[in-house]
C-alpha cells in the first residue's frame, strides 16, 4: 500500500514508487539522504537515486520530465543536418571559457530550434531540474529560453561531435614545440644516455596520447613498430583494419619501446631479445581502462638497432555485452544458443580466429546464467574482462594455466569458463567437467564448427566424450557494418558483384543491396562498427551418432550435411543474411568467409 501522504512530501518519489521503478526501502534511504544534505547540495530525489544508488539516468529522468511537463527533445546525430551542428558549435565556441565549462559540467546543449525566433534558445539538458540552467541561460544572453529534456545516451553521442574532449597529452606535445630527437650512432646502446633523452623529451606524452586517443576512437589494438631511418610508426586497428595514426621521426625506436616498457607492469626495459607480456591501467574520462601489452623482438635492416614490435590490446569493460540479443544471433543459431546455455550440464564451444569476438560472446553467455545460487569459476590467461558474479582465477608464475585447470575440479564449481582448450590435457579436463554435471564454456581456434570436432578428435579426445559432453559449437566471425549515413543502393543491373560471389542473379534481383561510399562520420571508409556472423552446430541425436561412429577420422562432410538438415547456416550464408538486411555488403562477406 502506497502512503498517499508521500505524494504531498515528494512527488518524484511517489511517482517512481507507484510505477515500481524503486521500492520502499530505496525510497526511505533516498529521502533520508535528501534530508541530510538539504543545507548543502539541495539535491532532489531523482538526482540522489542516480548519483547515490546508480539507477539508470534516463529511466529516472524520463519520468521526472513527464511529471514536470518538460518536453522531451529527441535529437539524433544522424537526423541533424551539418549546418545545425555547425551552428551549435559556433554558439558554444563564441562563449568564454567559464561559460563553456558551465555548459559541459551541467550536461546541457544550447540550440536554436525555432528559426523564426532568433533570440530564443532551447537548453537541451539531461537533468531539466538542474538549478544551474537558469544561470547558463543568463550567461548565454538569452532573452527567451526553454528547457527540454534530452536523453543521456543522445547527449553523449552529440557532445562528442560538438565539444570533443581534448587529448591533454597531444596538447602538451604541441605546446612544448619540442622536436623529439634521440639519435645514437654507436653499435652498443648507452642506457644512461638513452634514459636521459627519454626523460627530457616528449615521448612519454606521445605514448600517453596514443592510449587516450585509442580509447576515445574505439580502437581495439595499438600497433607500435620500428622502421628504418630512426622512425617508429603507430597504427590503430579500427573495425578490424589497421590505419596509420602517427610516425615518430628522428628518434631511436629503442627509446620509444623503453617508454612503453617503463609504463607497463611485468616488463624489463633492458630485455630486447625475447617476448614479453605486461599490462597498463589508466583512468580515462572517468573510467578504468586496462591495456594488455605484448612485445616481440624482430629483425631490422640496421644491425646497430635492436628492433621490437609492440601490440597493445585495449580492454574497455564498457564494451562488454551482457544482453544476448545484442550479439546479432538470429534464427536457428539464436534458439540453439539459448537452448545450449540453459542445460544443467554440457559444453558450449566458441571457435574462430584471434579477434573474432569469441570472448565477447562467451562473457555475454555467462551473464545469462550467473546467479547468486551458482559458483562460477573462470580460468583465462590472460583475464580480459572482469565478470561480475564470477570468481576469476589469477594465472601467474606460481600457478600456470594447466595447474589452474586441474585445481578447479576441487573448487566445487557449477559453471566453468576455460579460456582456451590449447592441448589434450586442457581439453580432456574441460570435457570431464562437462560430463560430470557442470555447464562448461570454452574456445578453440578452428575455421568452422565441424572442424572443431575434428580438432578435438586429433587432440586425442575419445569420440563418445566429444559426442555426449558437447551441447553446441558456434563458429564466429566479425564483419564490418556499412555506415548508415553514407551507404548507397547498388545498381540492380550490375551483375558483376553477384557473379564474383557465385550468387544467382535471379535469386537476388529483387533484394535491395547496398555498397560503401565514405563520409566524415566513418572516416571515408564506408563502414562504421562491426557485427558478428555465426555458424551453429547443435548436437542433436543424429549428429551425436555420426561422431560416435567415427573410425580413424571424423567425417566433417557428414557433420556439415547433418547440420544443414537440422537448420544450421554456414558462415557465408549467415553473412548473406546480414546483406539481405542491408547491414553489410556482399564483398565484405566474401572476404571474411569461404564458400564451403
Protein backbone atom coordinates (compact mmCIF):
# COMPACT_ATOMS: atom_id res chain seq x y z
CA UNK A 1 0.00 0.00 0.00
CA UNK A 2 1.49 3.33 -1.09
CA UNK A 3 1.37 6.10 1.50
CA UNK A 4 -0.69 8.89 -0.09
CA UNK A 5 0.95 11.42 2.26
CA UNK A 6 4.16 10.78 0.33
CA UNK A 7 2.72 12.49 -2.75
CA UNK A 8 2.50 15.72 -0.78
CA UNK A 9 6.10 15.48 0.50
CA UNK A 10 7.90 14.19 -2.60
CA UNK A 11 6.13 13.89 -5.94
CA UNK A 12 9.12 12.28 -7.66
CA UNK A 13 9.41 9.56 -5.02
CA UNK A 14 5.66 8.89 -5.10
CA UNK A 15 5.66 8.55 -8.90
CA UNK A 16 8.70 6.24 -9.07
CA UNK A 17 7.35 4.06 -6.26
CA UNK A 18 3.92 3.86 -7.89
CA UNK A 19 5.49 2.75 -11.19
CA UNK A 20 7.61 0.08 -9.49
CA UNK A 21 10.92 1.68 -10.50
CA UNK A 22 12.02 1.88 -6.86
CA UNK A 23 10.89 0.06 -3.73
CA UNK A 24 10.03 1.42 -0.29
CA UNK A 25 13.45 0.52 1.17
CA UNK A 26 15.33 2.51 -1.50
CA UNK A 27 12.84 5.35 -1.18
CA UNK A 28 13.31 5.61 2.59
CA UNK A 29 17.11 5.63 2.25
CA UNK A 30 17.00 8.26 -0.53
CA UNK A 31 14.64 10.50 1.46
CA UNK A 32 16.98 10.28 4.45
CA UNK A 33 19.93 11.37 2.27
CA UNK A 34 17.79 14.22 0.92
CA UNK A 35 17.08 15.43 4.45
CA UNK A 36 20.75 15.14 5.49
CA UNK A 37 22.17 17.16 2.59
CA UNK A 38 19.32 19.69 2.38
CA UNK A 39 21.50 22.51 3.67
CA UNK A 40 24.47 21.69 1.40
CA UNK A 41 23.77 20.16 -2.03
CA UNK A 42 19.98 20.62 -2.12
CA UNK A 43 19.57 17.64 -4.46
CA UNK A 44 16.16 16.36 -5.44
CA UNK A 45 15.24 12.68 -5.13
CA UNK A 46 15.92 11.91 -8.81
CA UNK A 47 19.47 13.25 -8.57
CA UNK A 48 20.08 11.24 -5.37
CA UNK A 49 18.81 8.00 -6.95
CA UNK A 50 21.15 8.37 -9.93
CA UNK A 51 24.21 9.62 -8.02
CA UNK A 52 23.99 7.52 -4.84
CA UNK A 53 22.09 4.39 -5.91
CA UNK A 54 23.36 4.05 -9.53
CA UNK A 55 19.89 3.99 -11.11
CA UNK A 56 19.84 4.40 -14.90
CA UNK A 57 19.80 8.14 -15.58
CA UNK A 58 17.33 8.03 -18.48
CA UNK A 59 14.89 5.71 -16.66
CA UNK A 60 14.61 8.16 -13.74
CA UNK A 61 14.69 11.49 -15.58
CA UNK A 62 12.26 10.48 -18.30
CA UNK A 63 9.66 10.12 -15.53
CA UNK A 64 10.75 13.45 -14.00
CA UNK A 65 10.37 15.17 -17.37
CA UNK A 66 6.82 13.81 -17.71
CA UNK A 67 5.95 14.76 -14.13
CA UNK A 68 7.02 18.39 -14.54
CA UNK A 69 5.88 18.67 -18.19
CA UNK A 70 9.34 19.18 -19.70
CA UNK A 71 9.26 18.49 -23.41
CA UNK A 72 11.49 15.56 -24.44
CA UNK A 73 13.86 16.54 -27.23
CA UNK A 74 14.63 13.60 -29.48
CA UNK A 75 17.93 14.61 -31.09
CA UNK A 76 19.78 12.00 -33.10
CA UNK A 77 23.11 12.80 -34.73
CA UNK A 78 22.07 11.14 -37.97
CA UNK A 79 18.98 13.40 -38.16
CA UNK A 80 20.83 16.66 -37.53
CA UNK A 81 21.99 18.46 -40.69
CA UNK A 82 25.63 19.58 -40.87
CA UNK A 83 24.66 23.26 -40.76
CA UNK A 84 22.72 22.79 -37.49
CA UNK A 85 25.70 21.04 -35.87
CA UNK A 86 27.98 23.88 -37.05
CA UNK A 87 25.51 26.42 -35.65
CA UNK A 88 25.58 24.77 -32.20
CA UNK A 89 29.41 24.65 -32.32
CA UNK A 90 29.55 28.34 -33.25
CA UNK A 91 27.19 29.28 -30.41
CA UNK A 92 29.27 27.39 -27.82
CA UNK A 93 32.69 28.43 -29.19
CA UNK A 94 31.68 32.12 -29.06
CA UNK A 95 31.35 31.88 -25.26
CA UNK A 96 34.04 32.48 -22.65
CA UNK A 97 35.91 29.54 -21.13
CA UNK A 98 33.90 29.89 -17.91
CA UNK A 99 30.59 29.57 -19.79
CA UNK A 100 31.92 26.60 -21.82
CA UNK A 101 32.91 24.88 -18.57
CA UNK A 102 29.46 25.61 -17.11
CA UNK A 103 27.78 24.07 -20.19
CA UNK A 104 30.00 20.96 -20.04
CA UNK A 105 29.74 20.47 -16.26
CA UNK A 106 25.93 20.56 -16.31
CA UNK A 107 25.49 18.35 -19.41
CA UNK A 108 23.47 20.82 -21.45
CA UNK A 109 23.44 21.67 -25.17
CA UNK A 110 22.16 25.12 -26.20
CA UNK A 111 20.37 25.01 -29.54
CA UNK A 112 18.18 27.36 -31.59
CA UNK A 113 15.25 25.22 -32.68
CA UNK A 114 12.85 27.94 -33.84
CA UNK A 115 14.44 29.88 -36.70
CA UNK A 116 11.60 32.42 -36.57
CA UNK A 117 12.54 33.49 -33.04
CA UNK A 118 16.32 34.03 -33.22
CA UNK A 119 16.66 35.33 -29.67
CA UNK A 120 15.13 32.17 -28.15
CA UNK A 121 17.44 29.36 -27.04
CA UNK A 122 16.43 25.84 -26.12
CA UNK A 123 18.54 24.29 -23.38
CA UNK A 124 18.59 20.54 -24.02
CA UNK A 125 19.57 19.08 -20.62
CA UNK A 126 19.89 15.55 -19.30
CA UNK A 127 18.57 16.90 -15.97
CA UNK A 128 15.89 19.54 -16.64
CA UNK A 129 15.56 20.14 -12.87
CA UNK A 130 19.17 21.35 -12.59
CA UNK A 131 19.17 24.72 -10.78
CA UNK A 132 22.17 25.91 -12.84
CA UNK A 133 20.17 26.01 -16.11
CA UNK A 134 18.82 29.49 -15.35
CA UNK A 135 22.37 30.71 -14.74
CA UNK A 136 23.51 29.16 -18.07
CA UNK A 137 20.64 30.84 -19.96
CA UNK A 138 21.62 34.19 -18.40
CA UNK A 139 25.30 33.64 -19.34
CA UNK A 140 24.25 32.95 -22.96
CA UNK A 141 22.39 36.30 -23.02
CA UNK A 142 19.20 34.50 -23.99
CA UNK A 143 16.20 36.85 -23.99
CA UNK A 144 13.91 33.85 -24.13
CA UNK A 145 14.74 30.28 -23.24
CA UNK A 146 13.03 26.92 -22.90
CA UNK A 147 14.28 23.86 -21.02
CA UNK A 148 13.88 20.49 -22.74
CA UNK A 149 14.79 17.01 -21.51
CA UNK A 150 17.49 15.21 -23.56
CA UNK A 151 18.29 11.53 -23.02
CA UNK A 152 21.80 10.99 -21.70
CA UNK A 153 22.67 8.48 -24.45
CA UNK A 154 21.72 11.07 -27.11
CA UNK A 155 23.67 13.76 -25.26
CA UNK A 156 26.79 11.54 -25.07
CA UNK A 157 26.80 10.97 -28.84
CA UNK A 158 26.13 14.60 -29.71
CA UNK A 159 28.65 16.16 -27.33
CA UNK A 160 31.48 14.09 -28.84
CA UNK A 161 30.93 15.92 -32.14
CA UNK A 162 30.13 19.37 -30.77
CA UNK A 163 32.69 19.54 -27.95
CA UNK A 164 35.19 16.68 -28.49
CA UNK A 165 37.42 16.06 -25.50
CA UNK A 166 40.94 17.38 -25.96
CA UNK A 167 43.75 14.89 -25.65
CA UNK A 168 45.82 16.66 -22.98
CA UNK A 169 48.95 14.69 -23.85
CA UNK A 170 48.82 15.67 -27.52
CA UNK A 171 48.24 19.25 -26.40
CA UNK A 172 51.35 19.10 -24.19
CA UNK A 173 53.40 17.93 -27.18
CA UNK A 174 52.09 20.80 -29.31
CA UNK A 175 52.55 23.39 -26.54
CA UNK A 176 56.13 22.33 -25.91
CA UNK A 177 57.01 22.75 -29.58
CA UNK A 178 59.75 20.22 -28.89
CA UNK A 179 61.37 18.25 -31.68
CA UNK A 180 61.69 14.69 -30.47
CA UNK A 181 65.20 13.60 -31.37
CA UNK A 182 67.13 10.77 -29.76
CA UNK A 183 69.93 9.61 -32.04
CA UNK A 184 72.95 7.45 -31.33
CA UNK A 185 75.40 6.08 -33.86
CA UNK A 186 77.39 3.58 -31.80
CA UNK A 187 76.72 -0.12 -32.13
CA UNK A 188 76.04 -0.53 -28.39
CA UNK A 189 73.19 1.38 -26.78
CA UNK A 190 74.23 3.73 -23.98
CA UNK A 191 71.43 3.07 -21.49
CA UNK A 192 72.16 6.12 -19.32
CA UNK A 193 72.16 8.47 -22.30
CA UNK A 194 69.00 6.85 -23.62
CA UNK A 195 67.34 7.28 -20.23
CA UNK A 196 68.32 10.94 -20.03
CA UNK A 197 66.98 11.64 -23.52
CA UNK A 198 63.67 9.90 -22.74
CA UNK A 199 63.19 11.88 -19.54
CA UNK A 200 63.72 15.26 -21.17
CA UNK A 201 61.75 14.52 -24.34
CA UNK A 202 58.00 14.39 -25.01
CA UNK A 203 57.98 10.64 -25.74
CA UNK A 204 56.05 9.93 -22.55
CA UNK A 205 53.33 12.36 -23.66
CA UNK A 206 53.23 10.68 -27.08
CA UNK A 207 52.61 7.22 -25.62
CA UNK A 208 50.01 8.50 -23.16
CA UNK A 209 48.35 10.41 -26.01
CA UNK A 210 48.15 7.20 -28.07
CA UNK A 211 46.48 5.35 -25.18
CA UNK A 212 43.91 8.11 -24.63
CA UNK A 213 43.21 8.58 -28.34
CA UNK A 214 42.87 4.82 -28.85
CA UNK A 215 40.20 4.57 -26.15
CA UNK A 216 38.25 7.58 -27.43
CA UNK A 217 38.29 6.38 -31.03
CA UNK A 218 37.04 2.90 -30.14
CA UNK A 219 40.31 1.23 -31.22
CA UNK A 220 40.78 -2.47 -30.41
CA UNK A 221 44.61 -2.61 -30.72
CA UNK A 222 47.55 -0.20 -30.96
CA UNK A 223 50.49 -1.39 -33.09
CA UNK A 224 53.87 0.25 -32.49
CA UNK A 225 56.69 -0.92 -34.73
CA UNK A 226 60.09 0.44 -35.82
CA UNK A 227 61.06 1.45 -39.35
CA UNK A 228 64.49 2.08 -40.84
CA UNK A 229 65.92 5.57 -40.52
CA UNK A 230 65.10 6.07 -36.83
CA UNK A 231 61.34 6.07 -37.33
CA UNK A 232 58.60 4.43 -35.30
CA UNK A 233 55.05 4.09 -36.61
CA UNK A 234 51.89 3.87 -34.52
CA UNK A 235 48.85 2.24 -36.14
CA UNK A 236 45.31 1.86 -34.78
CA UNK A 237 43.11 -1.17 -35.52
CA UNK A 238 39.60 0.17 -36.08
CA UNK A 239 36.76 -2.17 -37.12
CA UNK A 240 39.31 -4.89 -37.82
CA UNK A 241 41.50 -2.81 -40.18
CA UNK A 242 44.86 -1.20 -39.37
CA UNK A 243 45.15 2.54 -40.05
CA UNK A 244 48.22 4.77 -39.64
CA UNK A 245 47.93 7.27 -36.78
CA UNK A 246 51.38 8.77 -36.16
CA UNK A 247 55.02 8.47 -37.21
CA UNK A 248 57.73 9.39 -34.71
CA UNK A 249 60.81 10.53 -36.65
CA UNK A 250 64.45 11.21 -35.72
CA UNK A 251 64.15 9.06 -32.61
CA UNK A 252 65.73 5.71 -31.82
CA UNK A 253 62.99 3.04 -31.83
CA UNK A 254 64.58 1.64 -28.65
CA UNK A 255 63.69 4.89 -26.86
CA UNK A 256 60.01 4.60 -27.84
CA UNK A 257 59.91 0.94 -26.80
CA UNK A 258 61.67 1.71 -23.50
CA UNK A 259 59.00 4.28 -22.62
CA UNK A 260 56.21 1.73 -23.20
CA UNK A 261 58.01 -0.95 -21.16
CA UNK A 262 58.64 1.51 -18.31
CA UNK A 263 54.93 2.33 -18.19
CA UNK A 264 53.90 -1.35 -18.26
CA UNK A 265 53.86 -3.71 -15.28
CA UNK A 266 55.70 -7.00 -15.61
CA UNK A 267 58.24 -5.87 -18.23
CA UNK A 268 62.02 -5.45 -18.31
CA UNK A 269 63.08 -2.47 -20.44
CA UNK A 270 66.63 -3.82 -20.79
CA UNK A 271 65.47 -7.16 -22.26
CA UNK A 272 65.35 -6.85 -26.07
CA UNK A 273 65.89 -10.44 -27.18
CA UNK A 274 62.75 -12.28 -26.02
CA UNK A 275 58.96 -11.98 -25.97
CA UNK A 276 57.39 -10.15 -23.02
CA UNK A 277 53.85 -9.63 -21.76
CA UNK A 278 52.66 -6.89 -19.43
CA UNK A 279 49.76 -4.59 -18.73
CA UNK A 280 48.93 -0.93 -18.19
CA UNK A 281 45.97 0.53 -16.30
CA UNK A 282 44.71 4.10 -16.68
CA UNK A 283 41.68 6.17 -15.72
CA UNK A 284 40.46 7.80 -18.93
CA UNK A 285 37.37 10.03 -18.99
CA UNK A 286 36.31 8.72 -15.60
CA UNK A 287 36.62 5.01 -16.49
CA UNK A 288 39.30 2.48 -15.54
CA UNK A 289 40.77 1.09 -18.78
CA UNK A 290 43.21 -1.84 -18.91
CA UNK A 291 45.76 -2.39 -21.67
CA UNK A 292 47.42 -5.74 -22.43
CA UNK A 293 50.94 -5.23 -23.81
CA UNK A 294 52.80 -7.73 -25.99
CA UNK A 295 56.43 -7.22 -27.04
CA UNK A 296 58.23 -9.31 -29.67
CA UNK A 297 61.83 -8.97 -30.94
CA UNK A 298 62.04 -8.51 -34.70
CA UNK A 299 64.62 -8.37 -37.48
CA UNK A 300 65.65 -4.96 -38.76
CA UNK A 301 67.78 -3.71 -41.65
CA UNK A 302 70.08 -1.78 -39.31
CA UNK A 303 72.35 -4.09 -37.32
CA UNK A 304 73.14 -1.46 -34.68
CA UNK A 305 69.47 -1.35 -33.64
CA UNK A 306 67.63 -3.96 -31.61
CA UNK A 307 64.15 -3.72 -33.06
CA UNK A 308 60.98 -4.78 -31.26
CA UNK A 309 57.31 -4.75 -32.18
CA UNK A 310 54.66 -3.85 -29.60
CA UNK A 311 50.91 -4.51 -29.74
CA UNK A 312 48.65 -3.04 -27.06
CA UNK A 313 45.15 -4.52 -26.72
CA UNK A 314 42.60 -2.10 -25.21
CA UNK A 315 40.33 -3.80 -22.67
CA UNK A 316 37.40 -1.47 -22.09
CA UNK A 317 34.79 -3.01 -19.76
CA UNK A 318 32.18 -0.61 -21.16
CA UNK A 319 32.22 -2.69 -24.34
CA UNK A 320 31.20 -5.86 -22.52
CA UNK A 321 27.86 -7.11 -23.86
CA UNK A 322 25.56 -8.59 -21.22
CA UNK A 323 22.41 -8.70 -23.35
CA UNK A 324 22.26 -11.80 -25.56
CA UNK A 325 20.01 -10.01 -28.06
CA UNK A 326 22.82 -7.54 -28.85
CA UNK A 327 25.13 -10.30 -30.14
CA UNK A 328 23.39 -10.45 -33.52
CA UNK A 329 22.28 -14.07 -33.11
CA UNK A 330 19.34 -14.90 -35.37
CA UNK A 331 17.09 -17.84 -36.27
CA UNK A 332 18.46 -21.34 -35.67
CA UNK A 333 21.68 -20.04 -34.09
CA UNK A 334 19.80 -17.96 -31.52
CA UNK A 335 17.41 -20.75 -30.49
CA UNK A 336 20.27 -23.30 -30.34
CA UNK A 337 22.43 -20.98 -28.27
CA UNK A 338 19.69 -20.28 -25.73
CA UNK A 339 18.85 -23.99 -25.50
CA UNK A 340 22.53 -24.96 -25.00
CA UNK A 341 23.32 -22.47 -22.22
CA UNK A 342 20.19 -23.31 -20.23
CA UNK A 343 21.14 -27.00 -19.94
CA UNK A 344 22.28 -28.04 -16.43
CA UNK A 345 25.49 -29.53 -17.85
CA UNK A 346 27.45 -29.92 -21.07
CA UNK A 347 29.85 -27.78 -23.06
CA UNK A 348 29.44 -24.70 -25.25
CA UNK A 349 32.43 -24.03 -27.51
CA UNK A 350 33.12 -20.83 -29.46
CA UNK A 351 35.54 -21.18 -32.35
CA UNK A 352 37.20 -18.76 -34.73
CA UNK A 353 40.48 -16.88 -35.31
CA UNK A 354 42.00 -14.33 -32.93
CA UNK A 355 39.94 -11.15 -32.81
CA UNK A 356 36.68 -12.75 -33.96
CA UNK A 357 34.79 -11.79 -30.79
CA UNK A 358 34.74 -15.23 -29.12
CA UNK A 359 35.42 -13.83 -25.64
CA UNK A 360 32.70 -11.18 -26.03
CA UNK A 361 30.13 -13.85 -26.91
CA UNK A 362 31.20 -16.15 -24.07
CA UNK A 363 31.03 -13.35 -21.49
CA UNK A 364 27.52 -12.45 -22.74
CA UNK A 365 26.52 -16.12 -22.37
CA UNK A 366 27.94 -16.26 -18.84
CA UNK A 367 25.91 -13.23 -17.80
CA UNK A 368 22.74 -15.14 -18.77
CA UNK A 369 23.48 -17.97 -16.33
CA UNK A 370 25.22 -16.20 -13.42
CA UNK A 371 23.04 -16.11 -10.31
CA UNK A 372 23.87 -15.98 -6.57
CA UNK A 373 22.91 -19.67 -6.35
CA UNK A 374 25.73 -20.95 -8.57
CA UNK A 375 29.51 -20.97 -8.24
CA UNK A 376 31.02 -19.63 -11.48
CA UNK A 377 34.78 -20.07 -11.98
CA UNK A 378 36.88 -18.87 -14.92
CA UNK A 379 40.39 -19.88 -15.96
CA UNK A 380 41.77 -17.42 -18.52
CA UNK A 381 45.30 -16.48 -19.49
CA UNK A 382 45.17 -13.53 -19.52
CA UNK A 383 41.91 -12.32 -17.95
CA UNK A 384 40.44 -9.80 -20.39
CA UNK A 385 37.26 -8.58 -18.72
CA UNK A 386 36.15 -8.53 -15.09
CA UNK A 387 32.90 -10.55 -14.87
CA UNK A 388 30.56 -9.58 -12.03
CA UNK A 389 29.41 -12.63 -10.08
CA UNK A 390 32.25 -14.92 -11.24
CA UNK A 391 35.45 -15.95 -9.48
CA UNK A 392 38.27 -15.44 -11.96
CA UNK A 393 41.42 -17.38 -11.18
CA UNK A 394 44.69 -15.47 -11.26
CA UNK A 395 47.27 -17.08 -13.52
CA UNK A 396 50.91 -16.33 -12.73
CA UNK A 397 54.32 -17.88 -12.29
CA UNK A 398 53.15 -19.69 -9.13
CA UNK A 399 50.06 -21.19 -10.78
CA UNK A 400 50.00 -21.66 -14.54
CA UNK A 401 47.01 -22.37 -16.79
CA UNK A 402 47.35 -26.17 -16.63
CA UNK A 403 47.65 -26.20 -12.82
CA UNK A 404 44.58 -23.97 -12.51
CA UNK A 405 42.55 -26.30 -14.76
CA UNK A 406 43.39 -29.28 -12.54
CA UNK A 407 42.72 -27.37 -9.30
CA UNK A 408 39.32 -26.09 -10.46
CA UNK A 409 37.81 -29.59 -10.16
CA UNK A 410 38.33 -29.44 -6.38
CA UNK A 411 36.75 -25.99 -6.01
CA UNK A 412 33.07 -27.09 -6.19
CA UNK A 413 32.13 -25.30 -9.44
CA UNK A 414 28.68 -25.24 -11.06
CA UNK A 415 29.67 -23.31 -14.17
CA UNK A 416 33.19 -23.06 -15.60
CA UNK A 417 34.77 -20.91 -18.29
CA UNK A 418 38.04 -22.33 -19.69
CA UNK A 419 39.61 -19.55 -21.75
CA UNK A 420 41.03 -21.84 -24.43
CA UNK A 421 41.44 -25.58 -24.97
CA UNK A 422 45.05 -25.37 -26.08
CA UNK A 423 46.14 -29.03 -25.64
CA UNK A 424 44.88 -32.55 -24.89
CA UNK A 425 45.14 -32.15 -21.11
CA UNK A 426 43.12 -28.92 -21.07
CA UNK A 427 40.52 -30.31 -23.50
CA UNK A 428 40.08 -33.55 -21.53
CA UNK A 429 39.71 -31.68 -18.23
CA UNK A 430 37.15 -29.29 -19.72
CA UNK A 431 35.17 -32.18 -21.24
CA UNK A 432 35.41 -34.10 -17.95
CA UNK A 433 33.81 -31.07 -16.24
CA UNK A 434 31.03 -31.02 -18.86
CA UNK A 435 30.48 -34.75 -18.41
CA UNK A 436 30.22 -34.61 -14.62
CA UNK A 437 27.34 -32.18 -14.18
CA UNK A 438 28.96 -28.83 -14.93
CA UNK A 439 27.99 -26.29 -17.58
CA UNK A 440 31.31 -25.50 -19.29
CA UNK A 441 32.27 -22.74 -21.74
CA UNK A 442 35.45 -22.66 -23.80
CA UNK A 443 37.08 -21.61 -27.09
CA UNK A 444 39.05 -23.26 -29.89
CA UNK A 445 40.93 -21.89 -32.89
CA UNK A 446 39.38 -23.56 -35.96
CA UNK A 447 37.92 -22.32 -39.25
CA UNK A 448 34.37 -23.54 -38.73
CA UNK A 449 32.19 -25.55 -36.32
CA UNK A 450 32.54 -29.05 -37.89
CA UNK A 451 36.35 -28.78 -37.96
CA UNK A 452 36.29 -28.14 -34.17
CA UNK A 453 35.05 -31.72 -33.76
CA UNK A 454 37.94 -32.98 -35.87
CA UNK A 455 40.41 -30.85 -33.89
CA UNK A 456 39.31 -32.35 -30.57
CA UNK A 457 39.46 -35.83 -32.11
CA UNK A 458 43.05 -35.23 -33.31
CA UNK A 459 43.97 -33.95 -29.82
CA UNK A 460 43.17 -37.46 -28.59
CA UNK A 461 39.73 -36.89 -27.02
CA UNK A 462 37.54 -40.01 -27.35
CA UNK A 463 34.64 -39.70 -29.89
CA UNK A 464 31.95 -40.74 -27.35
CA UNK A 465 33.18 -37.98 -24.97
CA UNK A 466 33.01 -35.40 -27.76
CA UNK A 467 29.53 -36.60 -28.78
CA UNK A 468 27.90 -36.62 -25.36
CA UNK A 469 29.74 -33.86 -23.48
CA UNK A 470 29.19 -31.03 -26.00
CA UNK A 471 25.88 -29.17 -26.33
CA UNK A 472 26.86 -26.67 -29.02
CA UNK A 473 29.75 -25.42 -31.12
CA UNK A 474 29.46 -21.92 -32.60
CA UNK A 475 31.87 -20.58 -35.22
CA UNK A 476 32.05 -16.79 -35.30
CA UNK A 477 33.49 -14.02 -37.47
CA UNK A 478 33.29 -10.23 -37.29
CA UNK A 479 32.47 -8.30 -40.46
CA UNK A 480 32.27 -4.56 -40.97
CA UNK A 481 28.89 -2.84 -40.79
CA UNK A 482 28.02 -0.37 -43.56
CA UNK A 483 27.96 3.25 -42.40
CA UNK A 484 24.24 4.12 -42.08
CA UNK A 485 24.91 7.74 -43.09
CA UNK A 486 26.52 7.18 -46.47
CA UNK A 487 25.72 3.65 -47.68
CA UNK A 488 24.32 3.67 -51.21
CA UNK A 489 21.88 1.39 -53.02
CA UNK A 490 23.69 -0.76 -55.52
CA UNK A 491 22.66 -0.74 -59.17
CA UNK A 492 20.42 -3.78 -59.61
CA UNK A 493 21.52 -4.17 -63.23
CA UNK A 494 25.15 -4.65 -62.22
CA UNK A 495 25.70 -8.42 -62.13
CA UNK A 496 29.49 -8.45 -61.63
CA UNK A 497 29.38 -8.44 -57.83
CA UNK A 498 26.83 -11.27 -57.70
CA UNK A 499 28.71 -13.33 -60.28
CA UNK A 500 32.04 -12.88 -58.45
CA UNK A 501 30.36 -14.12 -55.27
CA UNK A 502 28.90 -17.16 -57.04
CA UNK A 503 25.35 -15.97 -56.42
CA UNK A 504 22.45 -16.42 -58.82
CA UNK A 505 21.13 -13.16 -60.22
CA UNK A 506 17.54 -14.45 -60.34
CA UNK A 507 17.56 -15.11 -56.58
CA UNK A 508 18.92 -11.67 -55.72
CA UNK A 509 17.41 -9.36 -58.34
CA UNK A 510 14.54 -8.21 -56.09
CA UNK A 511 16.68 -7.72 -52.97
CA UNK A 512 17.85 -4.20 -52.10
CA UNK A 513 21.65 -4.27 -51.92
CA UNK A 514 23.95 -1.57 -50.56
CA UNK A 515 27.59 -0.63 -51.07
CA UNK A 516 30.05 1.56 -49.08
CA UNK A 517 30.68 5.18 -50.09
CA UNK A 518 32.57 7.06 -47.36
CA UNK A 519 31.83 10.20 -45.33
CA UNK A 520 33.37 12.17 -42.43
CA UNK A 521 31.41 10.13 -39.86
CA UNK A 522 33.10 6.87 -40.94
CA UNK A 523 36.50 8.41 -41.80
CA UNK A 524 35.76 7.91 -45.51
CA UNK A 525 35.87 4.11 -45.11
CA UNK A 526 32.19 3.46 -45.86
CA UNK A 527 31.99 1.22 -42.78
CA UNK A 528 31.25 2.01 -39.13
CA UNK A 529 31.37 -0.66 -36.42
CA UNK A 530 31.27 -4.43 -36.79
CA UNK A 531 28.71 -7.20 -36.48
CA UNK A 532 29.03 -10.92 -35.88
CA UNK A 533 28.05 -13.78 -38.16
CA UNK A 534 27.65 -17.31 -36.80
CA UNK A 535 27.52 -20.98 -37.71
CA UNK A 536 25.81 -23.12 -35.06
CA UNK A 537 26.40 -26.85 -34.66
CA UNK A 538 23.84 -28.07 -32.12
CA UNK A 539 24.44 -31.65 -31.00
CA UNK A 540 21.24 -33.45 -31.96
CA UNK A 541 20.79 -37.22 -31.58
CA UNK A 542 21.65 -37.78 -35.27
CA UNK A 543 24.78 -35.65 -35.04
CA UNK A 544 25.99 -37.48 -31.93
CA UNK A 545 25.58 -40.82 -33.75
CA UNK A 546 27.77 -39.63 -36.66
CA UNK A 547 30.55 -38.64 -34.22
CA UNK A 548 30.32 -41.85 -32.12
CA UNK A 549 30.64 -43.97 -35.29
CA UNK A 550 33.88 -42.19 -36.29
CA UNK A 551 36.71 -44.58 -37.04
CA UNK A 552 40.23 -43.31 -37.57
CA UNK A 553 38.93 -39.94 -38.78
CA UNK A 554 35.93 -37.68 -38.19
CA UNK A 555 33.72 -37.31 -41.28
CA UNK A 556 33.46 -33.49 -41.37
CA UNK A 557 31.36 -33.53 -44.54
CA UNK A 558 28.76 -35.82 -42.93
CA UNK A 559 28.62 -33.44 -39.95
CA UNK A 560 28.09 -30.46 -42.29
CA UNK A 561 25.29 -32.20 -44.14
CA UNK A 562 23.55 -33.20 -40.89
CA UNK A 563 23.90 -29.64 -39.52
CA UNK A 564 22.28 -28.32 -42.71
CA UNK A 565 19.40 -30.79 -42.30
CA UNK A 566 18.97 -29.57 -38.70
CA UNK A 567 18.60 -25.99 -39.96
CA UNK A 568 22.10 -24.55 -39.47
CA UNK A 569 23.59 -21.91 -41.80
CA UNK A 570 27.29 -21.84 -42.56
CA UNK A 571 29.28 -18.63 -42.05
CA UNK A 572 28.82 -17.38 -45.62
CA UNK A 573 25.07 -18.00 -45.54
CA UNK A 574 24.87 -16.21 -42.19
CA UNK A 575 26.77 -13.25 -43.68
CA UNK A 576 24.48 -13.11 -46.71
CA UNK A 577 21.51 -12.91 -44.31
CA UNK A 578 23.07 -9.69 -42.99
CA UNK A 579 23.43 -8.49 -46.61
CA UNK A 580 19.70 -9.05 -47.14
CA UNK A 581 19.02 -6.90 -44.07
CA UNK A 582 21.09 -4.07 -45.59
CA UNK A 583 23.68 -4.20 -42.79
CA UNK A 584 26.78 -5.07 -44.84
CA UNK A 585 27.97 -5.61 -48.40
CA UNK A 586 28.49 -8.78 -50.46
CA UNK A 587 32.28 -8.20 -50.96
CA UNK A 588 32.71 -7.79 -47.18
CA UNK A 589 31.05 -11.18 -46.54
CA UNK A 590 33.01 -12.88 -49.34
CA UNK A 591 36.31 -11.53 -47.95
CA UNK A 592 35.58 -12.91 -44.47
CA UNK A 593 34.19 -16.37 -45.34
CA UNK A 594 34.80 -19.40 -47.57
CA UNK A 595 32.25 -20.93 -49.92
CA UNK A 596 32.32 -24.38 -48.24
